């Protein structure tokens, strides 16, 4: 999962969340590069909602590295938070 690719389906296909986003623009904040390491872009430790701070986000519709690292976007944008438990 953290190697940058989802093997079988996108998070949207797996019904992790239902959204009507056919272009993958809603997404969720990750703060993570496609290889699973910290990107350095996390909206000032997730405390900022201003356009001057940035966060890395992922797309519900992607199976490639964009599922966790679609791009960096202004923190003033509305995105979900997606949390995982790793054992």
PDB file of N, CA and C in Angstrom:
ATOM      1  N   UNK A   1       0.817  -1.194   0.000  1.00  0.00           N
ATOM      2  CA  UNK A   1       0.000   0.000   0.000  1.00  0.00           C
ATOM      3  C   UNK A   1       0.861   1.258   0.000  1.00  0.00           C
ATOM      4  N   UNK A   2       1.937   1.266   0.733  1.00  0.00           N
ATOM      5  CA  UNK A   2       2.766   2.470   0.839  1.00  0.00           C
ATOM      6  C   UNK A   2       3.834   2.545  -0.230  1.00  0.00           C
ATOM      7  N   UNK A   3       3.853   1.613  -1.189  1.00  0.00           N
ATOM      8  CA  UNK A   3       4.868   1.657  -2.236  1.00  0.00           C
ATOM      9  C   UNK A   3       4.502   2.610  -3.365  1.00  0.00           C
ATOM     10  N   UNK A   4       3.419   3.343  -3.202  1.00  0.00           N
ATOM     11  CA  UNK A   4       3.013   4.317  -4.210  1.00  0.00           C
ATOM     12  C   UNK A   4       1.903   3.837  -5.113  1.00  0.00           C
ATOM     13  N   UNK A   5       1.504   2.578  -5.011  1.00  0.00           N
ATOM     14  CA  UNK A   5       0.441   2.061  -5.856  1.00  0.00           C
ATOM     15  C   UNK A   5      -0.543   1.225  -5.043  1.00  0.00           C
ATOM     16  N   UNK A   6      -1.797   1.351  -5.401  1.00  0.00           N
ATOM     17  CA  UNK A   6      -2.824   0.478  -4.847  1.00  0.00           C
ATOM     18  C   UNK A   6      -3.026  -0.635  -5.860  1.00  0.00           C
ATOM     19  N   UNK A   7      -2.959  -1.870  -5.444  1.00  0.00           N
ATOM     20  CA  UNK A   7      -2.923  -2.992  -6.369  1.00  0.00           C
ATOM     21  C   UNK A   7      -4.207  -3.220  -7.164  1.00  0.00           C
ATOM     22  N   UNK A   8      -5.351  -3.168  -6.520  1.00  0.00           N
ATOM     23  CA  UNK A   8      -6.562  -3.601  -7.204  1.00  0.00           C
ATOM     24  C   UNK A   8      -7.555  -2.497  -7.543  1.00  0.00           C
ATOM     25  N   UNK A   9      -7.702  -1.543  -6.669  1.00  0.00           N
ATOM     26  CA  UNK A   9      -8.730  -0.529  -6.900  1.00  0.00           C
ATOM     27  C   UNK A   9      -8.399   0.747  -6.152  1.00  0.00           C
ATOM     28  N   UNK A  10      -9.033   1.815  -6.574  1.00  0.00           N
ATOM     29  CA  UNK A  10      -8.862   3.084  -5.877  1.00  0.00           C
ATOM     30  C   UNK A  10      -9.622   3.053  -4.552  1.00  0.00           C
ATOM     31  N   UNK A  11      -9.360   4.006  -3.690  1.00  0.00           N
ATOM     32  CA  UNK A  11     -10.103   4.090  -2.427  1.00  0.00           C
ATOM     33  C   UNK A  11     -11.580   4.367  -2.691  1.00  0.00           C
ATOM     34  N   UNK A  12     -11.865   5.079  -3.757  1.00  0.00           N
ATOM     35  CA  UNK A  12     -13.254   5.322  -4.137  1.00  0.00           C
ATOM     36  C   UNK A  12     -13.924   4.009  -4.544  1.00  0.00           C
ATOM     37  N   UNK A  13     -13.241   3.199  -5.369  1.00  0.00           N
ATOM     38  CA  UNK A  13     -13.784   1.900  -5.786  1.00  0.00           C
ATOM     39  C   UNK A  13     -13.993   0.966  -4.592  1.00  0.00           C
ATOM     40  N   UNK A  14     -13.111   1.074  -3.597  1.00  0.00           N
ATOM     41  CA  UNK A  14     -13.210   0.230  -2.399  1.00  0.00           C
ATOM     42  C   UNK A  14     -14.243   0.753  -1.416  1.00  0.00           C
ATOM     43  N   UNK A  15     -14.909   1.847  -1.769  1.00  0.00           N
ATOM     44  CA  UNK A  15     -15.947   2.471  -0.958  1.00  0.00           C
ATOM     45  C   UNK A  15     -15.447   2.896   0.413  1.00  0.00           C
ATOM     46  N   UNK A  16     -14.177   3.350   0.457  1.00  0.00           N
ATOM     47  CA  UNK A  16     -13.646   3.922   1.696  1.00  0.00           C
ATOM     48  C   UNK A  16     -14.433   5.169   2.037  1.00  0.00           C
ATOM     49  N   UNK A  17     -14.802   5.913   1.031  1.00  0.00           N
ATOM     50  CA  UNK A  17     -15.684   7.069   1.212  1.00  0.00           C
ATOM     51  C   UNK A  17     -16.473   7.234  -0.071  1.00  0.00           C
ATOM     52  N   UNK A  18     -17.706   7.622   0.072  1.00  0.00           N
ATOM     53  CA  UNK A  18     -18.519   7.876  -1.104  1.00  0.00           C
ATOM     54  C   UNK A  18     -18.464   9.360  -1.385  1.00  0.00           C
ATOM     55  N   UNK A  19     -18.103   9.696  -2.591  1.00  0.00           N
ATOM     56  CA  UNK A  19     -18.158  11.091  -2.998  1.00  0.00           C
ATOM     57  C   UNK A  19     -18.611  11.151  -4.449  1.00  0.00           C
ATOM     58  N   UNK A  20     -19.024  12.298  -4.881  1.00  0.00           N
ATOM     59  CA  UNK A  20     -19.466  12.493  -6.249  1.00  0.00           C
ATOM     60  C   UNK A  20     -18.394  13.186  -7.075  1.00  0.00           C
ATOM     61  N   UNK A  21     -17.165  13.015  -6.703  1.00  0.00           N
ATOM     62  CA  UNK A  21     -16.041  13.677  -7.338  1.00  0.00           C
ATOM     63  C   UNK A  21     -15.521  12.830  -8.485  1.00  0.00           C
ATOM     64  N   UNK A  22     -15.939  13.122  -9.705  1.00  0.00           N
ATOM     65  CA  UNK A  22     -15.510  12.337 -10.854  1.00  0.00           C
ATOM     66  C   UNK A  22     -14.145  12.755 -11.382  1.00  0.00           C
ATOM     67  N   UNK A  23     -13.569  13.835 -10.850  1.00  0.00           N
ATOM     68  CA  UNK A  23     -12.275  14.316 -11.324  1.00  0.00           C
ATOM     69  C   UNK A  23     -11.158  14.154 -10.305  1.00  0.00           C
ATOM     70  N   UNK A  24     -11.447  13.679  -9.106  1.00  0.00           N
ATOM     71  CA  UNK A  24     -10.426  13.471  -8.096  1.00  0.00           C
ATOM     72  C   UNK A  24      -9.937  14.737  -7.439  1.00  0.00           C
ATOM     73  N   UNK A  25     -10.775  15.770  -7.388  1.00  0.00           N
ATOM     74  CA  UNK A  25     -10.359  17.056  -6.844  1.00  0.00           C
ATOM     75  C   UNK A  25     -10.690  17.240  -5.367  1.00  0.00           C
ATOM     76  N   UNK A  26     -11.625  16.464  -4.828  1.00  0.00           N
ATOM     77  CA  UNK A  26     -11.989  16.635  -3.424  1.00  0.00           C
ATOM     78  C   UNK A  26     -10.851  16.141  -2.555  1.00  0.00           C
ATOM     79  N   UNK A  27     -10.516  14.904  -2.625  1.00  0.00           N
ATOM     80  CA  UNK A  27      -9.347  14.339  -1.971  1.00  0.00           C
ATOM     81  C   UNK A  27      -9.264  14.486  -0.466  1.00  0.00           C
ATOM     82  N   UNK A  28      -8.053  14.217   0.042  1.00  0.00           N
ATOM     83  CA  UNK A  28      -7.805  14.219   1.479  1.00  0.00           C
ATOM     84  C   UNK A  28      -6.360  14.629   1.711  1.00  0.00           C
ATOM     85  N   UNK A  29      -6.141  15.264   2.847  1.00  0.00           N
ATOM     86  CA  UNK A  29      -4.788  15.696   3.211  1.00  0.00           C
ATOM     87  C   UNK A  29      -3.961  14.490   3.649  1.00  0.00           C
ATOM     88  N   UNK A  30      -2.708  14.415   3.217  1.00  0.00           N
ATOM     89  CA  UNK A  30      -1.836  13.323   3.621  1.00  0.00           C
ATOM     90  C   UNK A  30      -0.521  13.809   4.237  1.00  0.00           C
ATOM     91  N   UNK A  31       0.055  14.885   3.703  1.00  0.00           N
ATOM     92  CA  UNK A  31       1.372  15.329   4.159  1.00  0.00           C
ATOM     93  C   UNK A  31       2.463  14.330   3.819  1.00  0.00           C
ATOM     94  N   UNK A  32       2.211  13.498   2.816  1.00  0.00           N
ATOM     95  CA  UNK A  32       3.075  12.357   2.520  1.00  0.00           C
ATOM     96  C   UNK A  32       3.493  12.336   1.054  1.00  0.00           C
ATOM     97  N   UNK A  33       4.749  12.013   0.818  1.00  0.00           N
ATOM     98  CA  UNK A  33       5.228  11.796  -0.540  1.00  0.00           C
ATOM     99  C   UNK A  33       4.742  10.432  -1.033  1.00  0.00           C
ATOM    100  N   UNK A  34       4.875  10.195  -2.329  1.00  0.00           N
ATOM    101  CA  UNK A  34       4.379   8.944  -2.897  1.00  0.00           C
ATOM    102  C   UNK A  34       5.102   7.718  -2.358  1.00  0.00           C
ATOM    103  N   UNK A  35       6.301   7.882  -1.793  1.00  0.00           N
ATOM    104  CA  UNK A  35       7.021   6.741  -1.219  1.00  0.00           C
ATOM    105  C   UNK A  35       6.708   6.537   0.263  1.00  0.00           C
ATOM    106  N   UNK A  36       5.772   7.306   0.805  1.00  0.00           N
ATOM    107  CA  UNK A  36       5.338   7.138   2.187  1.00  0.00           C
ATOM    108  C   UNK A  36       6.085   7.991   3.199  1.00  0.00           C
ATOM    109  N   UNK A  37       7.059   8.781   2.757  1.00  0.00           N
ATOM    110  CA  UNK A  37       7.802   9.647   3.678  1.00  0.00           C
ATOM    111  C   UNK A  37       7.135  11.013   3.778  1.00  0.00           C
ATOM    112  N   UNK A  38       7.485  11.741   4.807  1.00  0.00           N
ATOM    113  CA  UNK A  38       6.938  13.070   5.079  1.00  0.00           C
ATOM    114  C   UNK A  38       7.278  14.028   3.941  1.00  0.00           C
ATOM    115  N   UNK A  39       6.292  14.765   3.469  1.00  0.00           N
ATOM    116  CA  UNK A  39       6.492  15.677   2.342  1.00  0.00           C
ATOM    117  C   UNK A  39       6.990  17.055   2.763  1.00  0.00           C
ATOM    118  N   UNK A  40       6.793  17.407   4.039  1.00  0.00           N
ATOM    119  CA  UNK A  40       7.137  18.750   4.489  1.00  0.00           C
ATOM    120  C   UNK A  40       6.014  19.752   4.280  1.00  0.00           C
ATOM    121  N   UNK A  41       4.916  19.320   3.683  1.00  0.00           N
ATOM    122  CA  UNK A  41       3.768  20.188   3.439  1.00  0.00           C
ATOM    123  C   UNK A  41       2.567  19.642   4.200  1.00  0.00           C
ATOM    124  N   UNK A  42       2.317  20.227   5.392  1.00  0.00           N
ATOM    125  CA  UNK A  42       1.237  19.712   6.234  1.00  0.00           C
ATOM    126  C   UNK A  42       0.420  20.821   6.889  1.00  0.00           C
ATOM    127  N   UNK A  43       0.229  21.907   6.152  1.00  0.00           N
ATOM    128  CA  UNK A  43      -0.626  23.004   6.632  1.00  0.00           C
ATOM    129  C   UNK A  43      -0.249  23.455   8.042  1.00  0.00           C
ATOM    130  N   UNK A  44       1.063  23.636   8.229  1.00  0.00           N
ATOM    131  CA  UNK A  44       1.568  24.097   9.526  1.00  0.00           C
ATOM    132  C   UNK A  44       1.100  23.174  10.650  1.00  0.00           C
ATOM    133  N   UNK A  45       1.465  21.894  10.519  1.00  0.00           N
ATOM    134  CA  UNK A  45       1.067  20.852  11.479  1.00  0.00           C
ATOM    135  C   UNK A  45      -0.453  20.724  11.597  1.00  0.00           C
ATOM    136  N   UNK A  46      -1.142  20.860  10.463  1.00  0.00           N
ATOM    137  CA  UNK A  46      -2.594  20.738  10.342  1.00  0.00           C
ATOM    138  C   UNK A  46      -3.346  21.767  11.172  1.00  0.00           C
ATOM    139  N   UNK A  47      -2.713  22.907  11.430  1.00  0.00           N
ATOM    140  CA  UNK A  47      -3.384  23.948  12.212  1.00  0.00           C
ATOM    141  C   UNK A  47      -3.759  25.160  11.366  1.00  0.00           C
ATOM    142  N   UNK A  48      -3.405  25.165  10.094  1.00  0.00           N
ATOM    143  CA  UNK A  48      -3.627  26.328   9.242  1.00  0.00           C
ATOM    144  C   UNK A  48      -4.692  26.057   8.192  1.00  0.00           C
ATOM    145  N   UNK A  49      -5.499  27.065   7.927  1.00  0.00           N
ATOM    146  CA  UNK A  49      -6.449  26.988   6.822  1.00  0.00           C
ATOM    147  C   UNK A  49      -6.297  28.204   5.904  1.00  0.00           C
ATOM    148  N   UNK A  50      -5.071  28.713   5.805  1.00  0.00           N
ATOM    149  CA  UNK A  50      -4.814  29.892   4.999  1.00  0.00           C
ATOM    150  C   UNK A  50      -4.229  29.522   3.643  1.00  0.00           C
ATOM    151  N   UNK A  51      -4.376  30.416   2.680  1.00  0.00           N
ATOM    152  CA  UNK A  51      -3.864  30.164   1.341  1.00  0.00           C
ATOM    153  C   UNK A  51      -2.348  30.263   1.266  1.00  0.00           C
ATOM    154  N   UNK A  52      -1.705  30.824   2.294  1.00  0.00           N
ATOM    155  CA  UNK A  52      -0.252  30.962   2.280  1.00  0.00           C
ATOM    156  C   UNK A  52       0.469  29.699   2.728  1.00  0.00           C
ATOM    157  N   UNK A  53      -0.230  28.775   3.368  1.00  0.00           N
ATOM    158  CA  UNK A  53       0.348  27.489   3.761  1.00  0.00           C
ATOM    159  C   UNK A  53      -0.126  26.409   2.791  1.00  0.00           C
ATOM    160  N   UNK A  54       0.687  25.362   2.644  1.00  0.00           N
ATOM    161  CA  UNK A  54       0.362  24.291   1.709  1.00  0.00           C
ATOM    162  C   UNK A  54       0.357  22.935   2.381  1.00  0.00           C
ATOM    163  N   UNK A  55      -0.384  22.013   1.779  1.00  0.00           N
ATOM    164  CA  UNK A  55      -0.418  20.633   2.249  1.00  0.00           C
ATOM    165  C   UNK A  55      -0.419  19.681   1.071  1.00  0.00           C
ATOM    166  N   UNK A  56       0.157  18.510   1.268  1.00  0.00           N
ATOM    167  CA  UNK A  56       0.120  17.466   0.247  1.00  0.00           C
ATOM    168  C   UNK A  56      -1.186  16.706   0.393  1.00  0.00           C
ATOM    169  N   UNK A  57      -1.803  16.389  -0.724  1.00  0.00           N
ATOM    170  CA  UNK A  57      -3.092  15.700  -0.685  1.00  0.00           C
ATOM    171  C   UNK A  57      -3.106  14.522  -1.642  1.00  0.00           C
ATOM    172  N   UNK A  58      -4.039  13.585  -1.390  1.00  0.00           N
ATOM    173  CA  UNK A  58      -4.209  12.406  -2.222  1.00  0.00           C
ATOM    174  C   UNK A  58      -5.593  12.379  -2.843  1.00  0.00           C
ATOM    175  N   UNK A  59      -5.738  11.547  -3.865  1.00  0.00           N
ATOM    176  CA  UNK A  59      -6.989  11.456  -4.611  1.00  0.00           C
ATOM    177  C   UNK A  59      -7.687  10.117  -4.375  1.00  0.00           C
ATOM    178  N   UNK A  60      -8.983  10.165  -4.117  1.00  0.00           N
ATOM    179  CA  UNK A  60      -9.791   8.957  -3.934  1.00  0.00           C
ATOM    180  C   UNK A  60      -9.858   8.114  -5.204  1.00  0.00           C
ATOM    181  N   UNK A  61      -9.652   8.730  -6.362  1.00  0.00           N
ATOM    182  CA  UNK A  61      -9.849   8.030  -7.623  1.00  0.00           C
ATOM    183  C   UNK A  61      -8.596   7.371  -8.177  1.00  0.00           C
ATOM    184  N   UNK A  62      -7.438   7.607  -7.580  1.00  0.00           N
ATOM    185  CA  UNK A  62      -6.174   7.105  -8.131  1.00  0.00           C
ATOM    186  C   UNK A  62      -5.753   5.769  -7.548  1.00  0.00           C
ATOM    187  N   UNK A  63      -5.111   4.971  -8.394  1.00  0.00           N
ATOM    188  CA  UNK A  63      -4.479   3.734  -7.955  1.00  0.00           C
ATOM    189  C   UNK A  63      -2.963   3.869  -8.012  1.00  0.00           C
ATOM    190  N   UNK A  64      -2.464   4.893  -8.690  1.00  0.00           N
ATOM    191  CA  UNK A  64      -1.024   5.119  -8.769  1.00  0.00           C
ATOM    192  C   UNK A  64      -0.589   6.004  -7.606  1.00  0.00           C
ATOM    193  N   UNK A  65       0.574   6.594  -7.698  1.00  0.00           N
ATOM    194  CA  UNK A  65       1.118   7.364  -6.574  1.00  0.00           C
ATOM    195  C   UNK A  65       0.258   8.557  -6.180  1.00  0.00           C
ATOM    196  N   UNK A  66      -0.664   8.976  -7.036  1.00  0.00           N
ATOM    197  CA  UNK A  66      -1.521  10.112  -6.697  1.00  0.00           C
ATOM    198  C   UNK A  66      -2.534   9.778  -5.607  1.00  0.00           C
ATOM    199  N   UNK A  67      -2.674   8.511  -5.251  1.00  0.00           N
ATOM    200  CA  UNK A  67      -3.607   8.171  -4.179  1.00  0.00           C
ATOM    201  C   UNK A  67      -3.138   8.776  -2.864  1.00  0.00           C
ATOM    202  N   UNK A  68      -1.827   8.979  -2.724  1.00  0.00           N
ATOM    203  CA  UNK A  68      -1.281   9.538  -1.487  1.00  0.00           C
ATOM    204  C   UNK A  68      -0.562  10.867  -1.723  1.00  0.00           C
ATOM    205  N   UNK A  69      -0.148  11.130  -2.961  1.00  0.00           N
ATOM    206  CA  UNK A  69       0.603  12.339  -3.291  1.00  0.00           C
ATOM    207  C   UNK A  69       0.142  12.862  -4.639  1.00  0.00           C
ATOM    208  N   UNK A  70      -1.039  13.469  -4.658  1.00  0.00           N
ATOM    209  CA  UNK A  70      -1.563  14.012  -5.907  1.00  0.00           C
ATOM    210  C   UNK A  70      -0.850  15.305  -6.268  1.00  0.00           C
ATOM    211  N   UNK A  71      -0.697  16.184  -5.307  1.00  0.00           N
ATOM    212  CA  UNK A  71       0.012  17.446  -5.493  1.00  0.00           C
ATOM    213  C   UNK A  71       0.019  18.188  -4.163  1.00  0.00           C
ATOM    214  N   UNK A  72       0.532  19.381  -4.201  1.00  0.00           N
ATOM    215  CA  UNK A  72       0.500  20.270  -3.042  1.00  0.00           C
ATOM    216  C   UNK A  72      -0.510  21.363  -3.339  1.00  0.00           C
ATOM    217  N   UNK A  73      -1.326  21.678  -2.337  1.00  0.00           N
ATOM    218  CA  UNK A  73      -2.411  22.634  -2.548  1.00  0.00           C
ATOM    219  C   UNK A  73      -2.510  23.565  -1.347  1.00  0.00           C
ATOM    220  N   UNK A  74      -3.123  24.701  -1.556  1.00  0.00           N
ATOM    221  CA  UNK A  74      -3.330  25.677  -0.492  1.00  0.00           C
ATOM    222  C   UNK A  74      -4.193  25.096   0.621  1.00  0.00           C
ATOM    223  N   UNK A  75      -3.826  25.381   1.853  1.00  0.00           N
ATOM    224  CA  UNK A  75      -4.557  24.869   3.015  1.00  0.00           C
ATOM    225  C   UNK A  75      -5.942  25.490   3.170  1.00  0.00           C
ATOM    226  N   UNK A  76      -6.244  26.509   2.375  1.00  0.00           N
ATOM    227  CA  UNK A  76      -7.576  27.101   2.430  1.00  0.00           C
ATOM    228  C   UNK A  76      -8.595  26.229   1.688  1.00  0.00           C
ATOM    229  N   UNK A  77      -8.142  25.163   1.033  1.00  0.00           N
ATOM    230  CA  UNK A  77      -9.027  24.246   0.309  1.00  0.00           C
ATOM    231  C   UNK A  77      -9.646  23.235   1.260  1.00  0.00           C
ATOM    232  N   UNK A  78     -10.868  22.843   0.972  1.00  0.00           N
ATOM    233  CA  UNK A  78     -11.545  21.830   1.791  1.00  0.00           C
ATOM    234  C   UNK A  78     -11.127  20.446   1.322  1.00  0.00           C
ATOM    235  N   UNK A  79     -10.581  19.668   2.225  1.00  0.00           N
ATOM    236  CA  UNK A  79     -10.209  18.289   1.948  1.00  0.00           C
ATOM    237  C   UNK A  79     -10.516  17.474   3.198  1.00  0.00           C
ATOM    238  N   UNK A  80     -10.681  16.187   3.023  1.00  0.00           N
ATOM    239  CA  UNK A  80     -10.883  15.267   4.135  1.00  0.00           C
ATOM    240  C   UNK A  80      -9.546  14.943   4.785  1.00  0.00           C
ATOM    241  N   UNK A  81      -9.600  14.337   5.955  1.00  0.00           N
ATOM    242  CA  UNK A  81      -8.430  13.690   6.542  1.00  0.00           C
ATOM    243  C   UNK A  81      -8.672  12.197   6.476  1.00  0.00           C
ATOM    244  N   UNK A  82      -7.669  11.464   6.067  1.00  0.00           N
ATOM    245  CA  UNK A  82      -7.777  10.012   5.971  1.00  0.00           C
ATOM    246  C   UNK A  82      -6.761   9.408   6.915  1.00  0.00           C
ATOM    247  N   UNK A  83      -7.229   8.640   7.874  1.00  0.00           N
ATOM    248  CA  UNK A  83      -6.345   8.067   8.883  1.00  0.00           C
ATOM    249  C   UNK A  83      -6.251   6.555   8.715  1.00  0.00           C
ATOM    250  N   UNK A  84      -5.066   6.028   8.905  1.00  0.00           N
ATOM    251  CA  UNK A  84      -4.826   4.592   8.808  1.00  0.00           C
ATOM    252  C   UNK A  84      -4.224   4.097  10.123  1.00  0.00           C
ATOM    253  N   UNK A  85      -4.545   2.898  10.463  1.00  0.00           N
ATOM    254  CA  UNK A  85      -3.908   2.240  11.594  1.00  0.00           C
ATOM    255  C   UNK A  85      -2.977   1.195  11.028  1.00  0.00           C
ATOM    256  N   UNK A  86      -1.732   1.247  11.442  1.00  0.00           N
ATOM    257  CA  UNK A  86      -0.722   0.325  10.940  1.00  0.00           C
ATOM    258  C   UNK A  86      -0.224  -0.530  12.078  1.00  0.00           C
ATOM    259  N   UNK A  87      -0.303  -1.849  11.936  1.00  0.00           N
ATOM    260  CA  UNK A  87       0.171  -2.783  12.950  1.00  0.00           C
ATOM    261  C   UNK A  87       1.504  -3.352  12.546  1.00  0.00           C
TER     262      UNK A  87
END
